[in-house]
């Protein structure tokens, strides 16, 4: 049987799945898979959660390669990064 080595790439995928596995983050992903871009206040309203809570989840997801951001005045909008990992995740999530 082949040995499975914990490579940098495998570690990145494991972290990606850990981040995505949270119920709130799954809901955020479903919304973002549909709209591709949304501001924090829009996401919070859609999920009926506080802006602070949503901001926390979004920052973690941004730090781990799910989103980019754009600032519009006082608003921060998140943009889904479409890569092989997010495309595969979309098949399972929504």
N, C-alpha and C. Protein backbone atom coordinates (compact mmCIF):
# COMPACT_ATOMS: atom_id res chain seq x y z
N UNK A 1 0.84 -1.17 0.00
CA UNK A 1 0.00 0.00 0.00
C UNK A 1 0.89 1.24 0.00
N UNK A 2 0.51 2.26 -0.78
CA UNK A 2 1.27 3.51 -0.87
C UNK A 2 1.16 4.31 0.42
N UNK A 3 2.22 5.05 0.73
CA UNK A 3 2.20 5.97 1.87
C UNK A 3 1.54 7.27 1.43
N UNK A 4 0.75 7.83 2.29
CA UNK A 4 0.13 9.12 2.04
C UNK A 4 0.87 10.15 2.88
N UNK A 5 1.57 11.02 2.19
CA UNK A 5 2.38 12.04 2.84
C UNK A 5 1.56 13.32 3.01
N UNK A 6 1.67 13.93 4.17
CA UNK A 6 0.98 15.19 4.44
C UNK A 6 1.77 16.32 3.81
N UNK A 7 1.47 16.59 2.55
CA UNK A 7 2.15 17.64 1.81
C UNK A 7 1.55 19.00 2.12
N UNK A 8 2.19 20.04 1.66
CA UNK A 8 1.67 21.40 1.83
C UNK A 8 0.32 21.54 1.14
N UNK A 9 0.18 20.95 -0.05
CA UNK A 9 -1.08 21.01 -0.79
C UNK A 9 -2.20 20.27 -0.05
N UNK A 10 -1.90 19.10 0.48
CA UNK A 10 -2.91 18.34 1.22
C UNK A 10 -3.30 19.09 2.49
N UNK A 11 -2.34 19.67 3.17
CA UNK A 11 -2.63 20.45 4.37
C UNK A 11 -3.54 21.63 4.04
N UNK A 12 -3.31 22.28 2.91
CA UNK A 12 -4.16 23.40 2.47
C UNK A 12 -5.59 22.92 2.23
N UNK A 13 -5.75 21.77 1.60
CA UNK A 13 -7.10 21.24 1.33
C UNK A 13 -7.81 20.85 2.62
N UNK A 14 -7.07 20.29 3.57
CA UNK A 14 -7.66 19.93 4.86
C UNK A 14 -8.16 21.19 5.55
N UNK A 15 -7.36 22.23 5.58
CA UNK A 15 -7.75 23.49 6.22
C UNK A 15 -8.97 24.10 5.52
N UNK A 16 -8.99 24.02 4.22
CA UNK A 16 -10.10 24.52 3.42
C UNK A 16 -11.40 23.84 3.84
N UNK A 17 -11.36 22.51 3.98
CA UNK A 17 -12.55 21.76 4.38
C UNK A 17 -12.94 22.03 5.82
N UNK A 18 -11.95 22.21 6.70
CA UNK A 18 -12.26 22.56 8.09
C UNK A 18 -13.01 23.88 8.16
N UNK A 19 -12.53 24.86 7.42
CA UNK A 19 -13.16 26.18 7.41
C UNK A 19 -14.58 26.08 6.86
N UNK A 20 -14.75 25.36 5.77
CA UNK A 20 -16.06 25.26 5.12
C UNK A 20 -17.06 24.44 5.92
N UNK A 21 -16.59 23.62 6.85
CA UNK A 21 -17.47 22.70 7.56
C UNK A 21 -18.40 23.31 8.60
N UNK A 22 -18.26 24.57 8.89
CA UNK A 22 -19.10 25.25 9.88
C UNK A 22 -20.47 25.55 9.27
N UNK A 23 -21.58 25.30 10.00
CA UNK A 23 -22.92 25.54 9.44
C UNK A 23 -23.15 26.97 8.94
N UNK A 24 -22.66 27.97 9.67
CA UNK A 24 -22.83 29.35 9.21
C UNK A 24 -22.04 29.59 7.93
N UNK A 25 -20.86 29.05 7.86
CA UNK A 25 -20.04 29.23 6.66
C UNK A 25 -20.61 28.50 5.47
N UNK A 26 -21.26 27.38 5.70
CA UNK A 26 -21.95 26.68 4.60
C UNK A 26 -23.07 27.57 4.06
N UNK A 27 -23.80 28.21 4.96
CA UNK A 27 -24.88 29.10 4.53
C UNK A 27 -24.32 30.29 3.74
N UNK A 28 -23.19 30.84 4.22
CA UNK A 28 -22.54 31.94 3.50
C UNK A 28 -22.14 31.46 2.11
N UNK A 29 -21.54 30.28 2.03
CA UNK A 29 -21.12 29.76 0.73
C UNK A 29 -22.30 29.56 -0.21
N UNK A 30 -23.41 29.04 0.28
CA UNK A 30 -24.60 28.87 -0.58
C UNK A 30 -25.02 30.21 -1.17
N UNK A 31 -25.04 31.24 -0.33
CA UNK A 31 -25.40 32.57 -0.81
C UNK A 31 -24.39 33.08 -1.84
N UNK A 32 -23.11 32.89 -1.56
CA UNK A 32 -22.08 33.40 -2.46
C UNK A 32 -21.97 32.58 -3.75
N UNK A 33 -22.26 31.31 -3.69
CA UNK A 33 -22.28 30.52 -4.92
C UNK A 33 -23.37 31.04 -5.85
N UNK A 34 -24.44 31.53 -5.27
CA UNK A 34 -25.55 32.05 -6.07
C UNK A 34 -25.26 33.46 -6.59
N UNK A 35 -24.74 34.35 -5.73
CA UNK A 35 -24.59 35.76 -6.08
C UNK A 35 -23.17 36.19 -6.45
N UNK A 36 -22.16 35.42 -6.08
CA UNK A 36 -20.74 35.68 -6.39
C UNK A 36 -20.14 36.87 -5.62
N UNK A 37 -20.96 37.87 -5.30
CA UNK A 37 -20.47 39.07 -4.63
C UNK A 37 -21.58 39.63 -3.75
N UNK A 38 -21.23 40.00 -2.51
CA UNK A 38 -22.21 40.59 -1.61
C UNK A 38 -21.49 41.34 -0.50
N UNK A 39 -22.13 42.38 -0.01
CA UNK A 39 -21.58 43.16 1.10
C UNK A 39 -21.96 42.50 2.42
N UNK A 40 -21.18 42.77 3.45
CA UNK A 40 -21.38 42.14 4.76
C UNK A 40 -22.81 42.35 5.25
N UNK A 41 -23.32 43.56 5.12
CA UNK A 41 -24.68 43.86 5.62
C UNK A 41 -25.73 43.04 4.87
N UNK A 42 -25.54 42.83 3.58
CA UNK A 42 -26.48 42.03 2.79
C UNK A 42 -26.45 40.57 3.24
N UNK A 43 -25.26 40.05 3.48
CA UNK A 43 -25.13 38.66 3.92
C UNK A 43 -25.75 38.50 5.30
N UNK A 44 -25.46 39.43 6.20
CA UNK A 44 -26.02 39.38 7.55
C UNK A 44 -27.54 39.41 7.52
N UNK A 45 -28.09 40.27 6.71
CA UNK A 45 -29.55 40.37 6.59
C UNK A 45 -30.14 39.08 6.02
N UNK A 46 -29.53 38.55 5.00
CA UNK A 46 -30.02 37.33 4.36
C UNK A 46 -29.99 36.14 5.31
N UNK A 47 -28.96 36.06 6.14
CA UNK A 47 -28.82 34.94 7.07
C UNK A 47 -29.44 35.22 8.44
N UNK A 48 -29.98 36.44 8.60
CA UNK A 48 -30.60 36.87 9.85
C UNK A 48 -29.63 36.70 11.03
N UNK A 49 -28.43 37.24 10.83
CA UNK A 49 -27.39 37.21 11.84
C UNK A 49 -26.79 38.61 11.98
N UNK A 50 -26.02 38.82 13.03
CA UNK A 50 -25.41 40.13 13.24
C UNK A 50 -24.27 40.36 12.26
N UNK A 51 -24.04 41.61 11.96
CA UNK A 51 -22.93 42.00 11.08
C UNK A 51 -21.61 41.55 11.70
N UNK A 52 -21.47 41.69 13.00
CA UNK A 52 -20.22 41.31 13.68
C UNK A 52 -19.94 39.82 13.50
N UNK A 53 -20.94 39.00 13.67
CA UNK A 53 -20.77 37.55 13.53
C UNK A 53 -20.41 37.18 12.09
N UNK A 54 -21.13 37.74 11.15
CA UNK A 54 -20.87 37.46 9.73
C UNK A 54 -19.48 37.95 9.34
N UNK A 55 -19.10 39.13 9.81
CA UNK A 55 -17.77 39.68 9.51
C UNK A 55 -16.67 38.75 10.00
N UNK A 56 -16.86 38.18 11.17
CA UNK A 56 -15.89 37.25 11.73
C UNK A 56 -15.72 36.03 10.82
N UNK A 57 -16.84 35.42 10.42
CA UNK A 57 -16.79 34.25 9.54
C UNK A 57 -16.17 34.60 8.19
N UNK A 58 -16.56 35.73 7.63
CA UNK A 58 -16.04 36.13 6.33
C UNK A 58 -14.53 36.39 6.37
N UNK A 59 -14.05 36.99 7.44
CA UNK A 59 -12.61 37.26 7.54
C UNK A 59 -11.83 35.95 7.59
N UNK A 60 -12.31 34.98 8.33
CA UNK A 60 -11.65 33.67 8.38
C UNK A 60 -11.63 33.04 6.99
N UNK A 61 -12.75 33.13 6.31
CA UNK A 61 -12.85 32.53 4.97
C UNK A 61 -11.96 33.29 3.98
N UNK A 62 -11.89 34.60 4.10
CA UNK A 62 -11.01 35.39 3.22
C UNK A 62 -9.55 35.02 3.46
N UNK A 63 -9.17 34.90 4.72
CA UNK A 63 -7.80 34.56 5.08
C UNK A 63 -7.38 33.18 4.56
N UNK A 64 -8.37 32.36 4.25
CA UNK A 64 -8.09 31.00 3.79
C UNK A 64 -8.46 30.76 2.33
N UNK A 65 -8.58 31.83 1.56
CA UNK A 65 -8.70 31.71 0.12
C UNK A 65 -10.07 31.54 -0.47
N UNK A 66 -11.12 31.82 0.29
CA UNK A 66 -12.47 31.70 -0.26
C UNK A 66 -12.91 32.98 -0.97
N UNK A 67 -12.49 34.14 -0.45
CA UNK A 67 -12.99 35.41 -0.93
C UNK A 67 -11.89 36.45 -1.10
N UNK A 68 -12.16 37.41 -1.97
CA UNK A 68 -11.45 38.68 -2.05
C UNK A 68 -12.41 39.74 -1.53
N UNK A 69 -11.92 40.95 -1.29
CA UNK A 69 -12.81 42.02 -0.83
C UNK A 69 -12.62 43.28 -1.66
N UNK A 70 -13.67 44.09 -1.65
CA UNK A 70 -13.65 45.43 -2.22
C UNK A 70 -14.34 46.34 -1.22
N UNK A 71 -13.83 47.55 -1.10
CA UNK A 71 -14.44 48.53 -0.19
C UNK A 71 -15.19 49.56 -1.02
N UNK A 72 -16.42 49.84 -0.58
CA UNK A 72 -17.26 50.88 -1.17
C UNK A 72 -17.67 51.81 -0.04
N UNK A 73 -16.91 52.88 0.17
CA UNK A 73 -17.19 53.77 1.30
C UNK A 73 -17.00 53.01 2.60
N UNK A 74 -18.08 52.92 3.38
CA UNK A 74 -18.02 52.20 4.65
C UNK A 74 -18.34 50.71 4.49
N UNK A 75 -18.74 50.31 3.31
CA UNK A 75 -19.14 48.91 3.09
C UNK A 75 -17.99 48.07 2.55
N UNK A 76 -17.88 46.86 3.07
CA UNK A 76 -16.92 45.89 2.55
C UNK A 76 -17.72 44.79 1.88
N UNK A 77 -17.39 44.54 0.63
CA UNK A 77 -18.07 43.50 -0.13
C UNK A 77 -17.10 42.36 -0.39
N UNK A 78 -17.62 41.16 -0.32
CA UNK A 78 -16.83 39.96 -0.53
C UNK A 78 -17.15 39.37 -1.89
N UNK A 79 -16.11 38.89 -2.54
CA UNK A 79 -16.23 38.32 -3.88
C UNK A 79 -15.70 36.89 -3.83
N UNK A 80 -16.51 35.96 -4.27
CA UNK A 80 -16.12 34.55 -4.28
C UNK A 80 -14.92 34.33 -5.20
N UNK A 81 -13.92 33.66 -4.71
CA UNK A 81 -12.79 33.25 -5.55
C UNK A 81 -13.16 31.90 -6.15
N UNK A 82 -13.25 31.89 -7.47
CA UNK A 82 -13.61 30.64 -8.13
C UNK A 82 -12.33 29.92 -8.55
N UNK A 83 -12.00 28.90 -7.78
CA UNK A 83 -10.84 28.06 -8.09
C UNK A 83 -11.28 26.60 -8.02
N UNK A 84 -10.37 25.70 -8.21
CA UNK A 84 -10.75 24.28 -8.24
C UNK A 84 -11.38 23.83 -6.93
N UNK A 85 -10.90 24.34 -5.80
CA UNK A 85 -11.47 23.94 -4.52
C UNK A 85 -12.89 24.46 -4.33
N UNK A 86 -13.13 25.73 -4.63
CA UNK A 86 -14.49 26.26 -4.45
C UNK A 86 -15.45 25.63 -5.46
N UNK A 87 -14.99 25.35 -6.65
CA UNK A 87 -15.85 24.71 -7.65
C UNK A 87 -16.25 23.30 -7.22
N UNK A 88 -15.31 22.56 -6.65
CA UNK A 88 -15.63 21.22 -6.16
C UNK A 88 -16.56 21.30 -4.94
N UNK A 89 -16.30 22.26 -4.06
CA UNK A 89 -17.13 22.42 -2.88
C UNK A 89 -18.56 22.77 -3.25
N UNK A 90 -18.74 23.56 -4.28
CA UNK A 90 -20.08 23.95 -4.72
C UNK A 90 -20.92 22.73 -5.08
N UNK A 91 -20.31 21.72 -5.66
CA UNK A 91 -21.03 20.50 -6.03
C UNK A 91 -21.62 19.80 -4.81
N UNK A 92 -20.97 19.93 -3.67
CA UNK A 92 -21.42 19.24 -2.46
C UNK A 92 -22.31 20.07 -1.56
N UNK A 93 -22.18 21.38 -1.64
CA UNK A 93 -22.84 22.26 -0.68
C UNK A 93 -24.27 22.62 -1.09
N UNK A 94 -24.44 23.07 -2.29
CA UNK A 94 -25.76 23.60 -2.69
C UNK A 94 -26.33 22.85 -3.88
